[in-house]
Protein backbone atom coordinates (compact mmCIF):
# COMPACT_ATOMS: atom_id res chain seq x y z
CA MET A 1 1.18 18.41 9.88
CA LEU A 2 -2.22 16.79 9.46
CA ASN A 3 -3.81 18.74 12.36
CA ASN A 4 -6.79 20.85 11.38
CA SER A 5 -6.29 19.72 7.70
CA SER A 6 -8.63 18.20 5.04
CA ILE A 7 -7.58 14.71 4.08
CA LEU A 8 -9.04 12.40 1.35
CA VAL A 9 -8.51 8.70 1.01
CA THR A 10 -9.33 7.02 -2.33
CA GLY A 11 -10.54 3.45 -1.85
CA GLY A 12 -11.02 4.50 1.78
CA THR A 13 -13.50 1.68 2.61
CA GLY A 14 -10.82 -0.93 2.14
CA SER A 15 -8.51 -2.59 4.72
CA PHE A 16 -6.11 0.36 4.76
CA GLY A 17 -8.83 2.98 5.19
CA HIS A 18 -10.44 1.05 8.11
CA THR A 19 -7.10 1.35 10.02
CA PHE A 20 -5.82 4.72 8.73
CA VAL A 21 -9.04 6.65 9.48
CA PRO A 22 -9.38 5.94 13.21
CA MET A 23 -5.67 6.16 13.82
CA THR A 24 -5.47 9.53 12.08
CA LEU A 25 -8.53 10.88 13.77
CA ALA A 26 -7.05 9.99 17.11
CA LYS A 27 -3.56 11.28 16.49
CA TYR A 28 -4.04 14.40 14.50
CA SER A 29 -7.62 15.56 14.72
CA PRO A 30 -8.05 16.70 11.15
CA ARG A 31 -10.78 19.19 10.23
CA ARG A 32 -12.24 16.83 7.58
CA LEU A 33 -11.48 13.22 6.57
CA VAL A 34 -13.19 12.26 3.30
CA ILE A 35 -13.71 8.58 2.23
CA TYR A 36 -13.76 8.42 -1.52
CA SER A 37 -14.83 5.08 -3.04
CA ARG A 38 -17.41 3.55 -5.52
CA ASP A 39 -19.08 0.94 -3.32
CA GLU A 40 -22.11 2.49 -1.61
CA MET A 41 -22.67 -0.57 0.67
CA LYS A 42 -19.15 -0.46 2.05
CA GLN A 43 -19.62 3.27 2.61
CA TRP A 44 -23.04 2.65 4.30
CA GLU A 45 -21.41 0.15 6.68
CA MET A 46 -18.35 2.23 7.40
CA ALA A 47 -20.48 5.40 8.05
CA LYS A 48 -22.19 3.64 10.89
CA LEU A 49 -18.87 3.57 12.69
CA TYR A 50 -18.51 7.42 12.49
CA GLN A 51 -22.18 8.56 12.73
CA ASP A 52 -21.28 10.73 15.77
CA ASP A 53 -18.13 12.20 14.21
CA ASP A 54 -18.90 14.99 11.73
CA ARG A 55 -15.23 15.22 10.64
CA VAL A 56 -15.71 12.01 8.59
CA ARG A 57 -17.36 12.48 5.26
CA PHE A 58 -18.33 10.04 2.49
CA PHE A 59 -18.10 10.70 -1.23
CA ILE A 60 -19.26 8.16 -3.87
CA GLY A 61 -16.97 8.20 -6.88
CA ASP A 62 -14.51 6.33 -9.01
CA VAL A 63 -10.87 7.18 -9.74
CA ARG A 64 -11.70 6.54 -13.37
CA ASP A 65 -13.98 9.62 -13.26
CA LYS A 66 -11.80 12.76 -13.40
CA ASP A 67 -14.64 15.22 -13.05
CA ARG A 68 -15.91 13.48 -9.96
CA LEU A 69 -12.41 13.46 -8.46
CA ALA A 70 -12.06 17.15 -9.14
CA ARG A 71 -15.33 17.87 -7.17
CA ALA A 72 -14.24 15.62 -4.29
CA LEU A 73 -10.79 17.24 -4.06
CA ASN A 74 -12.05 20.81 -3.74
CA GLY A 75 -10.52 22.18 -0.51
CA ILE A 76 -8.49 18.98 0.27
CA ASP A 77 -4.94 19.37 1.62
CA TYR A 78 -3.67 15.77 1.67
CA VAL A 79 -4.60 12.69 -0.32
CA VAL A 80 -3.84 9.00 0.30
CA HIS A 81 -4.34 7.01 -2.84
CA ALA A 82 -5.35 3.45 -1.87
CA ALA A 83 -7.85 2.65 -4.58
CA ALA A 84 -6.65 -0.18 -6.85
CA THR A 85 -7.58 -3.42 -8.58
CA LYS A 86 -5.12 -5.53 -6.63
CA ILE A 87 -5.86 -9.28 -6.72
CA VAL A 88 -3.29 -10.86 -8.95
CA PRO A 89 -5.49 -13.48 -10.72
CA THR A 90 -8.30 -10.91 -11.11
CA ALA A 91 -5.91 -8.60 -12.92
CA GLU A 92 -4.60 -11.37 -15.09
CA TYR A 93 -8.04 -12.35 -16.39
CA ASN A 94 -9.47 -8.73 -16.50
CA PRO A 95 -6.44 -6.72 -17.73
CA PHE A 96 -8.38 -3.88 -19.34
CA GLU A 97 -10.26 -3.18 -16.03
CA CYS A 98 -7.00 -3.33 -14.09
CA VAL A 99 -5.27 -0.74 -16.34
CA LYS A 100 -8.34 1.52 -16.22
CA THR A 101 -8.28 1.70 -12.36
CA ASN A 102 -4.53 1.51 -11.67
CA VAL A 103 -3.10 3.46 -14.56
CA PHE A 104 -5.79 5.78 -15.85
CA GLY A 105 -7.06 6.22 -12.28
CA ALA A 106 -3.55 7.39 -11.29
CA MET A 107 -3.41 9.84 -14.15
CA ASN A 108 -6.79 11.30 -13.26
CA LEU A 109 -5.80 11.69 -9.63
CA ILE A 110 -2.50 13.40 -10.49
CA ASP A 111 -4.25 15.88 -12.80
CA ALA A 112 -7.03 16.60 -10.36
CA CYS A 113 -4.77 17.08 -7.42
CA ILE A 114 -2.65 19.55 -9.26
CA ASP A 115 -5.65 21.43 -10.58
CA GLN A 116 -7.24 21.62 -7.10
CA GLY A 117 -4.05 22.70 -5.36
CA VAL A 118 -3.65 19.66 -3.12
CA LYS A 119 -0.50 20.03 -0.99
CA ARG A 120 0.73 16.45 -0.78
CA VAL A 121 -0.28 13.04 -2.16
CA ILE A 122 0.85 9.57 -0.97
CA ALA A 123 0.19 6.68 -3.39
CA LEU A 124 0.13 3.20 -1.86
CA SER A 125 2.19 0.65 -3.89
CA THR A 126 3.15 -2.97 -3.63
CA ASP A 127 6.16 -5.24 -3.66
CA LYS A 128 4.76 -6.53 -7.00
CA ALA A 129 5.74 -3.19 -8.64
CA SER A 130 9.40 -4.11 -8.24
CA SER A 131 10.54 -6.12 -11.22
CA PRO A 132 6.92 -7.07 -12.01
CA ALA A 133 5.98 -10.55 -13.20
CA ASN A 134 2.22 -9.95 -13.51
CA LEU A 135 -0.17 -7.33 -14.87
CA TYR A 136 -1.02 -5.97 -11.43
CA GLY A 137 2.59 -5.33 -10.67
CA ALA A 138 3.14 -3.79 -14.11
CA THR A 139 0.30 -1.38 -13.59
CA LYS A 140 1.52 -0.38 -10.22
CA LEU A 141 5.00 0.14 -11.44
CA THR A 142 3.45 2.42 -14.07
CA SER A 143 1.45 4.16 -11.34
CA ASP A 144 4.57 4.65 -9.20
CA LYS A 145 6.36 6.24 -12.11
CA LEU A 146 3.38 8.53 -12.93
CA PHE A 147 3.32 9.82 -9.34
CA ILE A 148 7.04 10.38 -9.30
CA ALA A 149 6.92 12.25 -12.52
CA GLY A 150 3.86 14.18 -11.21
CA ASN A 151 6.29 16.27 -9.22
CA SER A 152 7.68 17.84 -12.44
CA TYR A 153 4.43 17.65 -14.22
CA ALA A 154 3.03 19.99 -11.56
CA GLY A 155 5.27 22.71 -12.84
CA LYS A 156 5.06 25.86 -10.66
CA MET A 157 2.17 24.39 -8.65
CA ASP A 158 2.99 23.24 -5.07
CA THR A 159 1.45 19.83 -5.31
CA ARG A 160 3.92 17.10 -4.36
CA PHE A 161 3.68 13.31 -4.71
CA ALA A 162 5.43 10.32 -3.09
CA VAL A 163 4.90 6.56 -2.84
CA VAL A 164 4.74 4.08 0.02
CA ARG A 165 5.49 0.50 -0.88
CA TYR A 166 4.12 -2.42 1.11
CA GLY A 167 4.49 -6.16 1.32
CA ASN A 168 1.80 -8.68 2.38
CA VAL A 169 -0.65 -6.87 4.82
CA MET A 170 -1.33 -9.21 7.62
CA GLY A 171 -4.97 -10.15 8.00
CA SER A 172 -6.31 -7.81 5.29
CA ARG A 173 -9.38 -8.87 3.15
CA GLY A 174 -8.43 -11.35 0.51
CA SER A 175 -4.95 -12.11 1.99
CA VAL A 176 -3.54 -15.43 2.92
CA ILE A 177 -4.12 -15.46 6.69
CA PRO A 178 -7.88 -15.07 6.54
CA PHE A 179 -7.98 -17.45 3.65
CA PHE A 180 -6.27 -20.20 5.65
CA LEU A 181 -8.54 -19.57 8.63
CA THR A 182 -11.60 -20.14 6.52
CA LEU A 183 -10.21 -23.59 5.64
CA ALA A 184 -9.50 -24.63 9.17
CA ASP A 185 -12.39 -27.16 9.33
CA LYS A 186 -11.22 -28.80 6.07
CA GLY A 187 -7.99 -29.98 7.59
CA ILE A 188 -5.99 -29.32 4.41
CA LEU A 189 -4.40 -25.97 3.38
CA PRO A 190 -3.46 -25.38 -0.26
CA ILE A 191 0.21 -24.20 -0.58
CA THR A 192 1.36 -22.86 -3.90
CA ASP A 193 5.02 -23.73 -3.40
CA ASP A 194 6.80 -24.74 -0.11
CA ARG A 195 9.79 -22.54 -0.99
CA MET A 196 7.54 -19.39 -1.20
CA THR A 197 8.29 -16.45 1.16
CA ARG A 198 6.41 -13.22 1.84
CA PHE A 199 7.01 -9.89 3.59
CA MET A 200 4.76 -9.27 6.61
CA ILE A 201 3.44 -5.84 7.70
CA THR A 202 0.54 -4.79 9.88
CA LEU A 203 -2.08 -2.26 8.77
CA GLU A 204 -1.02 -0.09 11.70
CA GLN A 205 2.61 -0.04 10.50
CA GLY A 206 1.27 0.91 6.97
CA ALA A 207 -0.67 3.83 8.39
CA GLU A 208 2.36 5.08 10.38
CA MET A 209 4.56 4.87 7.31
CA VAL A 210 2.08 7.10 5.49
CA TRP A 211 2.28 9.61 8.34
CA HIS A 212 6.15 9.49 8.07
CA ALA A 213 6.11 9.99 4.32
CA PHE A 214 3.83 13.08 4.54
CA ASP A 215 6.21 14.62 7.13
CA ASP A 216 9.46 13.66 5.34
CA MET A 217 8.70 13.96 1.60
CA VAL A 218 10.08 16.49 -0.73
CA GLY A 219 8.57 14.86 -3.78
CA GLY A 220 9.25 11.67 -5.84
CA GLU A 221 10.42 9.37 -3.04
CA ILE A 222 9.40 5.66 -2.70
CA TYR A 223 9.33 4.67 1.01
CA VAL A 224 9.84 1.01 1.93
CA LYS A 225 9.54 -0.05 5.54
CA LYS A 226 11.83 -2.57 6.98
CA ILE A 227 9.69 -5.58 7.84
CA PRO A 228 10.11 -9.28 8.55
CA SER A 229 9.68 -12.23 6.13
CA MET A 230 8.01 -15.53 6.54
CA LYS A 231 7.81 -18.77 4.61
CA VAL A 232 4.24 -19.45 3.40
CA THR A 233 4.43 -22.95 4.97
CA ASP A 234 5.15 -21.17 8.39
CA ILE A 235 2.26 -18.83 7.81
CA ALA A 236 0.10 -21.92 7.35
CA LEU A 237 1.47 -23.54 10.45
CA ALA A 238 0.83 -20.37 12.56
CA SER A 239 -2.77 -20.06 11.15
CA VAL A 240 -3.96 -23.66 11.43
CA PRO A 241 -1.31 -25.72 13.19
CA THR A 242 -3.12 -29.16 12.74
CA ALA A 243 -3.83 -28.85 9.01
CA LYS A 244 -2.02 -30.85 6.40
CA HIS A 245 -0.47 -29.00 3.40
CA GLU A 246 -1.25 -29.73 -0.23
CA ILE A 247 1.02 -28.24 -2.92
CA VAL A 248 -1.13 -26.86 -5.64
CA GLY A 249 1.31 -24.81 -7.76
CA ILE A 250 1.81 -21.07 -8.29
CA ARG A 251 -1.12 -19.13 -9.59
CA PRO A 252 -1.00 -17.15 -12.84
CA GLY A 253 1.31 -14.12 -12.38
CA GLU A 254 2.37 -15.12 -8.86
CA LYS A 255 5.98 -14.68 -7.68
CA LEU A 256 7.94 -17.23 -5.65
CA HIS A 257 9.51 -14.46 -3.47
CA GLU A 258 8.56 -10.85 -3.00
CA GLN A 259 10.85 -7.94 -3.96
CA MET A 260 10.44 -4.37 -2.79
CA ILE A 261 13.76 -2.95 -4.06
CA GLY A 262 15.56 -4.38 -7.13
CA PRO A 263 19.19 -4.06 -8.13
CA GLU A 264 18.27 -1.32 -10.67
CA ASP A 265 17.20 0.97 -7.87
CA ALA A 266 20.23 0.37 -5.65
CA LEU A 267 22.15 3.34 -7.05
CA HIS A 268 19.35 5.62 -5.84
CA THR A 269 18.38 3.79 -2.53
CA TYR A 270 19.20 5.16 0.91
CA GLU A 271 18.86 3.35 4.21
CA TYR A 272 17.45 4.67 7.40
CA ALA A 273 16.89 3.15 10.87
CA GLU A 274 13.32 1.79 10.08
CA HIS A 275 13.01 2.08 6.32
CA TYR A 276 14.58 2.58 2.90
CA LYS A 277 13.91 5.38 0.51
CA VAL A 278 14.30 5.03 -3.26
CA LEU A 279 14.89 8.47 -4.77
CA PRO A 280 13.98 9.33 -8.32
CA ALA A 281 16.65 9.12 -11.01
CA ILE A 282 15.16 12.01 -13.01
CA HIS A 283 16.36 15.61 -12.64
CA ASN A 284 19.24 14.36 -10.43
CA TRP A 285 16.77 14.34 -7.59
CA SER A 286 18.65 11.25 -6.14
CA GLN A 287 21.49 13.57 -5.36
CA ASP A 288 19.36 16.18 -3.58
CA PRO A 289 20.50 16.61 0.10
CA LYS A 290 16.93 17.47 1.23
CA ARG A 291 15.59 14.24 -0.28
CA ILE A 292 18.48 12.14 1.15
CA ASN A 293 18.00 13.71 4.59
CA GLY A 294 20.75 11.86 6.43
CA GLY A 295 20.29 8.53 4.73
CA GLN A 296 23.13 6.08 3.91
CA LEU A 297 23.43 4.90 0.27
CA VAL A 298 23.08 1.18 -0.02
CA ALA A 299 25.60 -1.18 -1.78
CA PRO A 300 25.46 -1.20 -5.55
CA ASP A 301 24.26 -4.78 -5.66
CA PHE A 302 21.69 -4.32 -2.95
CA THR A 303 18.18 -5.87 -3.27
CA TYR A 304 15.41 -6.12 -0.64
CA CYS A 305 13.58 -9.44 -1.17
CA SER A 306 11.59 -11.67 1.08
CA ASP A 307 14.06 -14.52 0.69
CA ASN A 308 17.24 -12.63 1.47
CA ASN A 309 15.71 -10.48 4.32
CA PRO A 310 17.85 -10.48 7.48
CA GLU A 311 14.67 -10.24 9.66
CA TRP A 312 12.23 -13.12 9.96
CA MET A 313 9.00 -13.54 11.86
CA SER A 314 8.67 -16.65 14.00
CA ILE A 315 5.69 -18.97 13.90
CA ASP A 316 4.96 -18.22 17.59
CA THR A 317 5.01 -14.48 16.92
CA LEU A 318 2.49 -14.72 14.06
CA ARG A 319 0.36 -17.17 16.09
CA THR A 320 0.19 -14.74 18.99
CA TRP A 321 -0.75 -11.87 16.60
CA ILE A 322 -3.46 -14.00 15.11
CA ALA A 323 -4.88 -14.82 18.54
CA GLN A 324 -4.95 -11.11 19.48
CA SER A 325 -6.31 -9.93 16.11
CA ARG A 326 -8.83 -12.65 15.34
CA GLU A 327 -11.84 -10.39 15.64
CA LYS A 328 -10.72 -8.07 12.79
CA ILE A 329 -8.91 -10.57 10.47
CA GLY A 330 -10.39 -10.61 7.09
CA LYS A 331 -13.19 -8.17 8.03
CA ILE A 332 -11.49 -4.99 7.04
């Protein structure tokens, strides 16, 4: 599907972009892959990695700027929307800025993609969008709803939108594993709550889920990959085995456990071998055989949470992954 196509990634200099771009170039050989972001230094550094590959282009711009988006999307076939304000405390203390990027930015992108005739758009979401307890989650839930509704907003145009929802991305910038590793010499790791659990997904798994969504989507679906959980205390033990733990309390807006599918969505959620798919309630799309595509409807009381997950990652498994991935942890 992506072969000989033009792809644009918003927020493409982030952790996701640094994994999605080389994987996609290797697997699909697109005609053009455009990195759209507002940080010129990150673009400058990333461009050095692709100076001999004329398929990769860089476009300075902000998702808050609809006119700039329209220019960047000219001739684009597929879009991955990764741009977001996503650090929970940052959003709590800077709510206006979070809304401008995560909500208004989503609206701008939807309009611009429809106007420019983009074929398909995948928006990256977060567990925090399910039953949100913080502003970041609330803005991402709003964004998810906007992208789902974008399929009817497009009218007779062929642009289609879907969402991929992630948990904690292992080793990404600003995440817990690189944070713990930076404190290794201190001998003490701050633990918000010793009951806390988190979903665990690699960036490579995230990129592969986006590929699957592009191939499978009809429009309006939310894709949720089946991934293991871990207790935060076990993440700490895997990261710095010798460190002591100091309970510091939950940060503003932080959840004790992650949830990617809530009970309200169970009536429209279907299970597959490696993922779940939440179908939209609007327009009876959740009853559409093309969208269901062989899935099995989950139980009416189903939830997908990090504390009731049947799959758990062991300390040894994570410790092995850290040893194998140390060179890139926290750097992309």
